[in-house]
Amino acid sequence: MTFEEQLARAFDTLTERLRGEIDHHVQRTSAELVAAAPYDRDPAAIEAARQELERAVAAVKRESDEALEAARRDADGALAAARRESDDALEAAQRESRDALETAREESHAALEAVRRESHEALAAARQQADDALAMAQHTSHEKGFAAGHAAGRDEALREAAEANVPAPADADLGRLADAMRAIDAARSLTEILDTLVTVASGDASGVELWLLRGGQLHGWQPTGADRGQATAVRSVEGGGPIAEAASRNTIVRDEQVQAVPIAVEGQVVAVICANREPRTGYLEVLVRYAAKCLEALTASKTVRALRRGSATAADASLVEAGAASVEEDTAARRYARLLISEIKLYHEPAVVDGRRDRDLATRLGGEIARARVMYEQRVAPHVRARADYFHDELVRTLADGDASLLEVRT
């Protein structure tokens, strides 16, 4: 039951009680008047007195009803005022609840944004640490693999020389042979290995020449430091002779004046070295076999396939730079550039969007780009940066969405 219903019932009960009391009072008064009146009084006077009493009772009832109605109106007014105050209090409580909810939502969003920002920073730091660890592991693995390859190449060269019945060097030449093999060991590129092979072979034989096999033709080797302006000698494999025969048959070929020894990588001839036949020519065979094993240990399979297809340049420089070590360095540099530029895009995405729209990326993000460039140059070796500008390539690809003109400085 509502408060209004309770109030109405209370007024009705009060009204009925007052009316009952008035009726009871009138009846009692009438009885007293009748009892007090003498029996011999005029009936007309008695009737007149009764009517007067009834009029008085009616007047009292009217006053009582008016008083009750006034009280009811006052109660209704008080109830309406109480209802308005209750509604105002409820509205105020709802406003405070909405304000508190909005404040809590803003604080929640701020906390969520802080967590997301910390998560991105932690992810970027973890990615950089992983890249550092991977680069270190690749470098260590490459060094270990290179050393192991040289050791295996030395053993394999000696075993193959023994199986081929190559005359063993005299005891006096063993020290010189060991020095020559150590010199080849110290070489760190294809060019250095071939240059070293020609140098150490020339110390014990005359007329030493090296020929590279490319596209069915033999190209004369020009050692490092030679005049590149001179024309390179070229001869056909089909032209005959010990050198051509050694290249086509992958076997040592001798005649009265010359001995030609093929240099094979993974079973494919890539070059031929020849020298005048002299008593220590067997020494040349051992060095060639050892140099071939060193080439296999140093060269990636992609470089070997390129040599087979004959896609090398005249001086074989492009194949040297395509070795496994340079590939790993280039991959690490490209990955680090991608990480730096991705961080700029992640933390400055509104500026990136505006810069693409207004074509002023370099002006808006010049400071961030310069800072990332310094970090890139501190991390990436100069000789890797000289080969290719991976940082700029990544700027164009990731930040400028492939449009290099967006990175031009606007005045």
Protein backbone atom coordinates (compact mmCIF):
# COMPACT_ATOMS: atom_id res chain seq x y z
CA MET A 1 0.00 0.00 0.00
CA THR A 2 1.36 3.42 -1.00
CA PHE A 3 1.81 6.38 1.31
CA GLU A 4 -1.10 8.24 -0.38
CA GLU A 5 -3.46 5.31 0.15
CA GLN A 6 -2.43 5.09 3.79
CA LEU A 7 -3.06 8.84 4.25
CA ALA A 8 -6.49 8.67 2.56
CA ARG A 9 -7.54 5.72 4.71
CA ALA A 10 -6.46 7.59 7.88
CA PHE A 11 -8.60 10.63 6.87
CA ASP A 12 -11.61 8.44 6.14
CA THR A 13 -11.26 6.73 9.51
CA LEU A 14 -10.99 10.09 11.27
CA THR A 15 -14.05 11.42 9.42
CA GLU A 16 -16.18 8.42 10.33
CA ARG A 17 -15.07 8.69 13.95
CA LEU A 18 -16.00 12.40 14.18
CA ARG A 19 -19.36 11.82 12.56
CA GLY A 20 -20.09 8.94 14.92
CA GLU A 21 -19.18 11.06 17.93
CA ILE A 22 -21.41 13.91 16.68
CA ASP A 23 -24.35 11.57 16.14
CA HIS A 24 -23.84 10.03 19.53
CA HIS A 25 -23.63 13.47 21.13
CA VAL A 26 -26.84 14.61 19.35
CA GLN A 27 -28.74 11.50 20.40
CA ARG A 28 -27.60 11.87 23.99
CA THR A 29 -28.53 15.57 24.04
CA SER A 30 -31.96 14.81 22.55
CA ALA A 31 -32.57 12.16 25.15
CA GLU A 32 -31.59 14.52 27.93
CA LEU A 33 -33.90 17.21 26.57
CA VAL A 34 -36.77 14.79 26.31
CA ALA A 35 -36.16 13.49 29.82
CA ALA A 36 -35.89 16.96 31.29
CA ALA A 37 -39.02 18.27 29.59
CA PRO A 38 -42.20 18.11 31.66
CA TYR A 39 -44.85 15.66 30.41
CA ASP A 40 -47.34 18.32 30.21
CA ARG A 41 -45.26 20.55 27.84
CA ASP A 42 -46.69 21.50 24.57
CA PRO A 43 -45.81 19.01 21.86
CA ALA A 44 -45.36 21.85 19.42
CA ALA A 45 -42.68 23.39 21.64
CA ILE A 46 -40.94 20.07 21.88
CA GLU A 47 -40.98 19.64 18.11
CA ALA A 48 -39.64 23.15 17.67
CA ALA A 49 -36.81 22.43 20.08
CA ARG A 50 -35.99 19.21 18.20
CA GLN A 51 -35.82 21.00 14.87
CA GLU A 52 -33.60 23.70 16.38
CA LEU A 53 -31.30 20.98 17.72
CA GLU A 54 -31.14 19.26 14.34
CA ARG A 55 -30.23 22.54 12.68
CA ALA A 56 -27.47 23.03 15.22
CA VAL A 57 -26.24 19.50 14.59
CA ALA A 58 -26.27 20.07 10.80
CA ALA A 59 -24.26 23.26 11.27
CA VAL A 60 -21.73 21.38 13.40
CA LYS A 61 -21.49 18.65 10.75
CA ARG A 62 -20.89 21.23 8.03
CA GLU A 63 -18.15 22.86 10.02
CA SER A 64 -16.65 19.45 10.74
CA ASP A 65 -16.74 18.50 7.02
CA GLU A 66 -15.15 21.81 6.06
CA ALA A 67 -12.45 21.34 8.67
CA LEU A 68 -11.81 17.81 7.42
CA GLU A 69 -11.68 19.01 3.79
CA ALA A 70 -9.23 21.77 4.72
CA ALA A 71 -7.12 19.22 6.57
CA ARG A 72 -7.28 16.93 3.51
CA ARG A 73 -6.14 19.79 1.24
CA ASP A 74 -3.28 20.63 3.57
CA ALA A 75 -2.27 16.98 3.65
CA ASP A 76 -2.39 16.80 -0.16
CA GLY A 77 -0.22 19.92 -0.40
CA ALA A 78 2.27 18.50 2.08
CA LEU A 79 2.27 15.19 0.15
CA ALA A 80 2.89 16.99 -3.17
CA ALA A 81 5.71 19.00 -1.63
CA ALA A 82 7.19 15.82 -0.17
CA ARG A 83 6.88 14.14 -3.61
CA ARG A 84 8.65 17.08 -5.31
CA GLU A 85 11.45 17.00 -2.78
CA SER A 86 11.76 13.24 -3.26
CA ASP A 87 11.90 13.65 -7.07
CA ASP A 88 14.53 16.40 -6.74
CA ALA A 89 16.60 14.25 -4.43
CA LEU A 90 16.28 11.28 -6.84
CA GLU A 91 17.32 13.44 -9.82
CA ALA A 92 20.31 14.79 -7.87
CA ALA A 93 21.31 11.24 -6.92
CA GLN A 94 21.01 10.15 -10.57
CA ARG A 95 23.16 13.09 -11.71
CA GLU A 96 25.81 12.27 -9.13
CA SER A 97 25.70 8.61 -10.20
CA ARG A 98 26.12 9.55 -13.88
CA ASP A 99 29.00 11.90 -13.05
CA ALA A 100 30.69 9.24 -10.97
CA LEU A 101 30.20 6.68 -13.75
CA GLU A 102 31.65 9.04 -16.37
CA THR A 103 34.61 9.80 -14.14
CA ALA A 104 35.21 6.08 -13.57
CA ARG A 105 34.94 5.44 -17.34
CA GLU A 106 37.50 8.18 -18.10
CA GLU A 107 39.86 6.84 -15.46
CA SER A 108 39.40 3.33 -16.86
CA HIS A 109 40.16 4.53 -20.39
CA ALA A 110 43.25 6.38 -19.17
CA ALA A 111 44.45 3.29 -17.30
CA LEU A 112 43.78 1.12 -20.36
CA GLU A 113 45.69 3.53 -22.61
CA ALA A 114 48.61 3.53 -20.19
CA VAL A 115 48.63 -0.28 -20.15
CA ARG A 116 48.45 -0.38 -23.96
CA ARG A 117 51.32 2.13 -24.23
CA GLU A 118 53.45 0.17 -21.76
CA SER A 119 52.61 -3.02 -23.66
CA HIS A 120 53.76 -1.49 -26.96
CA GLU A 121 56.97 -0.24 -25.37
CA ALA A 122 57.63 -3.63 -23.79
CA LEU A 123 56.93 -5.35 -27.12
CA ALA A 124 59.29 -3.01 -28.98
CA ALA A 125 62.00 -3.56 -26.37
CA ALA A 126 61.51 -7.33 -26.51
CA ARG A 127 61.61 -7.25 -30.33
CA GLN A 128 64.87 -5.28 -30.28
CA GLN A 129 66.40 -7.64 -27.73
CA ALA A 130 65.31 -10.60 -29.85
CA ASP A 131 66.85 -9.00 -32.97
CA ASP A 132 70.07 -8.32 -31.07
CA ALA A 133 70.19 -11.90 -29.82
CA LEU A 134 69.43 -13.25 -33.30
CA ALA A 135 72.10 -11.10 -34.92
CA MET A 136 74.61 -12.18 -32.29
CA ALA A 137 73.64 -15.83 -32.73
CA GLN A 138 73.89 -15.55 -36.52
CA HIS A 139 77.28 -13.88 -36.26
CA THR A 140 78.55 -16.52 -33.82
CA SER A 141 77.09 -19.32 -35.92
CA HIS A 142 78.70 -17.90 -39.06
CA GLU A 143 82.11 -17.62 -37.40
CA LYS A 144 81.88 -21.14 -36.01
CA GLY A 145 80.67 -22.51 -39.31
CA PHE A 146 83.44 -20.72 -41.19
CA ALA A 147 86.13 -22.11 -38.85
CA ALA A 148 84.61 -25.59 -38.97
CA GLY A 149 84.42 -25.40 -42.76
CA HIS A 150 88.07 -24.48 -43.04
CA ALA A 151 89.09 -27.32 -40.75
CA ALA A 152 86.93 -29.79 -42.66
CA GLY A 153 88.26 -28.42 -45.94
CA ARG A 154 91.84 -28.96 -44.83
CA ASP A 155 91.16 -32.58 -43.89
CA GLU A 156 89.14 -33.24 -47.03
CA ALA A 157 91.81 -31.72 -49.28
CA LEU A 158 94.51 -33.86 -47.76
CA ARG A 159 92.32 -36.98 -48.01
CA GLU A 160 91.46 -36.35 -51.64
CA ALA A 161 95.08 -35.66 -52.47
CA ALA A 162 96.03 -38.97 -50.89
CA GLU A 163 93.30 -40.83 -52.77
CA ALA A 164 94.41 -39.25 -56.06
CA ASN A 165 97.99 -40.40 -55.41
CA VAL A 166 99.31 -36.86 -55.52
CA PRO A 167 103.04 -36.95 -54.79
CA ALA A 168 103.64 -35.82 -51.24
CA PRO A 169 105.82 -32.74 -50.82
CA ALA A 170 109.29 -33.22 -49.51
CA ASP A 171 109.92 -32.68 -45.82
CA ALA A 172 111.58 -29.35 -46.60
CA ASP A 173 108.38 -28.16 -48.31
CA LEU A 174 105.96 -29.17 -45.54
CA GLY A 175 106.51 -25.94 -43.64
CA ARG A 176 106.00 -23.89 -46.79
CA LEU A 177 102.79 -25.85 -47.56
CA ALA A 178 101.47 -25.21 -44.05
CA ASP A 179 102.21 -21.48 -44.40
CA ALA A 180 100.35 -21.40 -47.73
CA MET A 181 97.32 -23.14 -46.24
CA ARG A 182 97.29 -20.72 -43.31
CA ALA A 183 97.37 -17.83 -45.77
CA ILE A 184 94.33 -19.24 -47.55
CA ASP A 185 92.71 -19.73 -44.12
CA ALA A 186 93.12 -16.03 -43.39
CA ALA A 187 91.17 -15.02 -46.53
CA ARG A 188 87.63 -13.83 -45.81
CA SER A 189 86.12 -13.56 -49.29
CA LEU A 190 86.11 -15.38 -52.61
CA THR A 191 88.36 -12.76 -54.15
CA GLU A 192 90.91 -13.01 -51.31
CA ILE A 193 90.97 -16.82 -51.51
CA LEU A 194 91.65 -16.78 -55.27
CA ASP A 195 94.21 -13.96 -54.97
CA THR A 196 95.99 -15.84 -52.19
CA LEU A 197 95.96 -19.09 -54.17
CA VAL A 198 97.62 -17.39 -57.15
CA THR A 199 100.17 -15.70 -54.88
CA VAL A 200 101.26 -18.81 -52.95
CA ALA A 201 101.30 -20.93 -56.13
CA SER A 202 103.49 -18.36 -57.88
CA GLY A 203 106.03 -18.76 -55.12
CA ASP A 204 106.81 -22.32 -56.22
CA ALA A 205 105.93 -22.39 -59.92
CA SER A 206 106.19 -20.10 -62.89
CA GLY A 207 103.55 -19.10 -65.38
CA VAL A 208 100.69 -19.38 -62.90
CA GLU A 209 97.34 -18.31 -64.41
CA LEU A 210 93.78 -18.46 -63.11
CA TRP A 211 90.77 -18.74 -65.42
CA LEU A 212 87.14 -18.32 -64.34
CA LEU A 213 84.54 -20.49 -66.09
CA ARG A 214 81.41 -18.52 -67.01
CA GLY A 215 78.87 -19.17 -69.74
CA GLY A 216 80.95 -21.79 -71.47
CA GLN A 217 83.97 -19.48 -71.69
CA LEU A 218 87.16 -19.07 -69.70
CA HIS A 219 87.89 -15.54 -68.47
CA GLY A 220 91.37 -14.57 -67.31
CA TRP A 221 91.53 -13.65 -63.61
CA GLN A 222 92.68 -10.14 -62.71
CA PRO A 223 94.12 -10.04 -59.18
CA THR A 224 93.07 -7.30 -56.77
CA GLY A 225 94.93 -4.09 -57.55
CA ALA A 226 95.39 -4.92 -61.25
CA ASP A 227 94.51 -2.35 -63.89
CA ARG A 228 90.80 -2.98 -64.57
CA GLY A 229 91.02 -0.93 -67.73
CA GLN A 230 92.92 -3.68 -69.52
CA ALA A 231 90.92 -6.11 -71.62
CA THR A 232 90.29 -9.48 -69.97
CA ALA A 233 91.54 -12.51 -71.87
CA VAL A 234 88.78 -14.88 -72.94
CA ARG A 235 89.04 -18.35 -74.47
CA SER A 236 86.43 -20.95 -75.36
CA VAL A 237 86.10 -24.26 -73.60
CA GLU A 238 85.71 -25.81 -77.02
CA GLY A 239 89.07 -24.46 -78.15
CA GLY A 240 90.99 -27.41 -76.77
CA GLY A 241 94.18 -27.49 -74.74
CA PRO A 242 94.90 -28.54 -71.14
CA ILE A 243 93.00 -25.62 -69.58
CA ALA A 244 89.81 -26.19 -71.62
CA GLU A 245 90.03 -29.94 -71.10
CA ALA A 246 90.43 -29.58 -67.33
CA ALA A 247 87.38 -27.28 -67.25
CA SER A 248 85.17 -29.59 -69.29
CA ARG A 249 86.24 -32.90 -67.71
CA ASN A 250 86.85 -31.72 -64.10
CA THR A 251 90.18 -33.50 -63.98
CA ILE A 252 93.86 -32.60 -63.87
CA VAL A 253 95.34 -32.38 -67.37
CA ARG A 254 99.08 -32.30 -68.13
CA ASP A 255 101.14 -32.01 -71.22
CA GLU A 256 104.86 -31.47 -71.70
CA GLN A 257 104.78 -27.80 -70.67
CA VAL A 258 101.60 -27.08 -68.62
CA GLN A 259 99.60 -28.63 -65.81
CA ALA A 260 95.96 -27.48 -65.45
CA VAL A 261 94.07 -28.13 -62.19
CA PRO A 262 90.28 -27.50 -62.02
CA ILE A 263 88.74 -25.73 -59.01
CA ALA A 264 85.39 -27.35 -58.28
CA VAL A 265 82.73 -26.18 -55.82
CA GLU A 266 80.12 -28.80 -54.95
CA GLY A 267 81.27 -30.88 -57.92
CA GLN A 268 80.98 -28.06 -60.47
CA VAL A 269 84.04 -26.48 -62.04
CA VAL A 270 84.15 -22.73 -61.46
CA ALA A 271 87.76 -22.01 -62.38
CA VAL A 272 91.00 -23.57 -63.61
CA ILE A 273 94.51 -22.76 -62.41
CA CYS A 274 97.49 -23.69 -64.52
CA ALA A 275 101.28 -23.44 -64.22
CA ASN A 276 104.40 -24.60 -66.02
CA ARG A 277 105.25 -28.18 -65.19
CA GLU A 278 108.01 -28.24 -62.60
CA PRO A 279 109.15 -30.69 -59.91
CA ARG A 280 106.88 -29.18 -57.25
CA THR A 281 103.68 -29.19 -59.31
CA GLY A 282 102.08 -31.70 -56.91
CA TYR A 283 102.23 -28.96 -54.30
CA LEU A 284 99.82 -26.97 -56.53
CA GLU A 285 97.24 -29.78 -56.53
CA VAL A 286 97.08 -29.87 -52.73
CA LEU A 287 96.62 -26.10 -52.52
CA VAL A 288 93.90 -26.09 -55.19
CA ARG A 289 91.93 -28.82 -53.48
CA TYR A 290 92.21 -27.03 -50.14
CA ALA A 291 91.19 -23.69 -51.68
CA ALA A 292 88.14 -25.36 -53.25
CA LYS A 293 87.01 -26.63 -49.85
CA CYS A 294 87.49 -23.16 -48.38
CA LEU A 295 85.31 -21.72 -51.15
CA GLU A 296 82.58 -24.23 -50.32
CA ALA A 297 82.72 -23.32 -46.63
CA LEU A 298 82.54 -19.59 -47.37
CA THR A 299 80.07 -19.41 -50.23
CA ALA A 300 76.32 -19.70 -49.82
CA SER A 301 74.38 -22.01 -52.11
CA LYS A 302 72.95 -18.99 -53.93
CA THR A 303 76.47 -17.85 -54.82
CA VAL A 304 77.36 -21.32 -56.07
CA ARG A 305 74.25 -21.43 -58.30
CA ALA A 306 75.15 -18.00 -59.67
CA LEU A 307 78.64 -19.23 -60.52
CA ARG A 308 77.15 -22.26 -62.31
CA ARG A 309 74.85 -20.05 -64.39
CA GLY A 310 77.79 -17.84 -65.32
CA SER A 311 76.14 -14.65 -64.01
CA ALA A 312 79.30 -13.29 -62.40
CA THR A 313 80.85 -10.00 -63.49
CA ALA A 314 84.24 -9.72 -65.14
CA ALA A 315 86.05 -9.40 -61.82
CA ASP A 316 83.63 -11.67 -59.92
CA ALA A 317 82.98 -8.85 -57.41
CA SER A 318 79.21 -9.25 -57.35
CA LEU A 319 79.53 -12.93 -56.35
CA VAL A 320 81.91 -12.05 -53.57
CA GLU A 321 79.41 -9.61 -52.03
CA ALA A 322 76.62 -12.16 -52.33
CA GLY A 323 78.29 -14.52 -49.84
CA ALA A 324 76.55 -15.85 -46.77
CA ALA A 325 78.11 -13.31 -44.38
CA SER A 326 76.98 -10.29 -46.40
CA VAL A 327 73.48 -11.75 -46.78
CA GLU A 328 73.17 -12.09 -43.00
CA GLU A 329 74.45 -8.54 -42.46
CA ASP A 330 72.02 -7.10 -45.00
CA THR A 331 69.12 -9.02 -43.48
CA ALA A 332 69.94 -7.77 -39.97
CA ALA A 333 70.27 -4.17 -41.21
CA ARG A 334 66.96 -4.36 -43.07
CA ARG A 335 65.23 -5.83 -40.01
CA TYR A 336 66.61 -3.13 -37.68
CA ALA A 337 65.54 -0.36 -40.08
CA ARG A 338 62.04 -1.86 -40.20
CA LEU A 339 61.88 -1.89 -36.39
CA LEU A 340 62.94 1.77 -36.06
CA ILE A 341 60.48 3.04 -38.68
CA SER A 342 57.65 0.90 -37.30
CA GLU A 343 58.14 2.51 -33.87
CA ILE A 344 57.85 5.99 -35.42
CA LYS A 345 54.60 4.97 -37.14
CA LEU A 346 53.24 3.35 -33.97
CA TYR A 347 53.84 6.26 -31.58
CA HIS A 348 53.17 9.10 -34.04
CA GLU A 349 50.35 7.69 -36.15
CA PRO A 350 48.25 10.93 -36.23
CA ALA A 351 51.29 12.87 -37.50
CA VAL A 352 51.92 10.18 -40.12
CA VAL A 353 48.32 10.41 -41.37
CA ASP A 354 48.44 14.23 -41.48
CA GLY A 355 51.87 14.18 -43.12
CA ARG A 356 50.69 11.87 -45.88
CA ARG A 357 47.65 14.05 -46.45
CA ASP A 358 49.56 17.36 -46.46
CA ARG A 359 52.68 15.82 -48.10
CA ASP A 360 55.03 17.12 -45.39
CA LEU A 361 56.16 13.98 -43.55
CA ALA A 362 59.78 15.11 -43.42
CA THR A 363 58.79 18.40 -41.77
CA ARG A 364 56.39 16.89 -39.23
CA LEU A 365 58.59 13.95 -38.22
CA GLY A 366 62.04 15.33 -39.00
CA GLY A 367 63.25 15.03 -35.40
CA GLU A 368 62.06 11.44 -34.98
CA ILE A 369 63.52 10.42 -38.35
CA ALA A 370 66.88 12.00 -37.50
CA ARG A 371 66.98 10.25 -34.13
CA ALA A 372 66.20 6.89 -35.74
CA ARG A 373 68.84 7.51 -38.41
CA VAL A 374 71.50 8.06 -35.73
CA MET A 375 70.50 4.82 -33.99
CA TYR A 376 70.63 2.96 -37.33
CA GLU A 377 74.11 4.26 -38.16
CA GLN A 378 75.39 3.39 -34.68
CA ARG A 379 74.14 -0.18 -35.05
CA VAL A 380 74.83 -0.99 -38.73
CA ALA A 381 78.42 -1.25 -39.95
CA PRO A 382 79.63 1.33 -42.53
CA HIS A 383 80.39 -1.29 -45.21
CA VAL A 384 76.80 -2.59 -44.95
CA ARG A 385 75.39 0.95 -45.23
CA ALA A 386 77.60 1.51 -48.27
CA ARG A 387 75.96 -1.40 -50.09
CA ALA A 388 72.37 -0.18 -49.69
CA ASP A 389 70.38 2.43 -47.75
CA TYR A 390 67.87 0.12 -46.07
CA PHE A 391 66.84 2.90 -43.70
CA HIS A 392 65.64 5.15 -46.52
CA ASP A 393 63.99 2.22 -48.29
CA GLU A 394 62.02 1.44 -45.13
CA LEU A 395 61.08 5.11 -44.69
CA VAL A 396 59.56 5.12 -48.17
CA ARG A 397 57.87 1.73 -47.78
CA THR A 398 56.41 2.03 -44.26
CA LEU A 399 56.19 5.72 -43.43
CA ALA A 400 55.48 7.23 -46.88
CA ASP A 401 53.43 4.25 -48.12
CA GLY A 402 55.68 3.86 -51.15
CA ASP A 403 55.66 7.55 -52.20
CA ALA A 404 59.21 8.94 -51.83
CA SER A 405 58.03 12.48 -52.65
CA LEU A 406 56.28 12.66 -49.25
CA LEU A 407 59.71 12.71 -47.60
CA GLU A 408 60.97 15.78 -49.46
CA VAL A 409 61.59 18.78 -47.19
CA ARG A 410 59.08 21.57 -47.86
CA THR A 411 60.19 25.18 -47.46
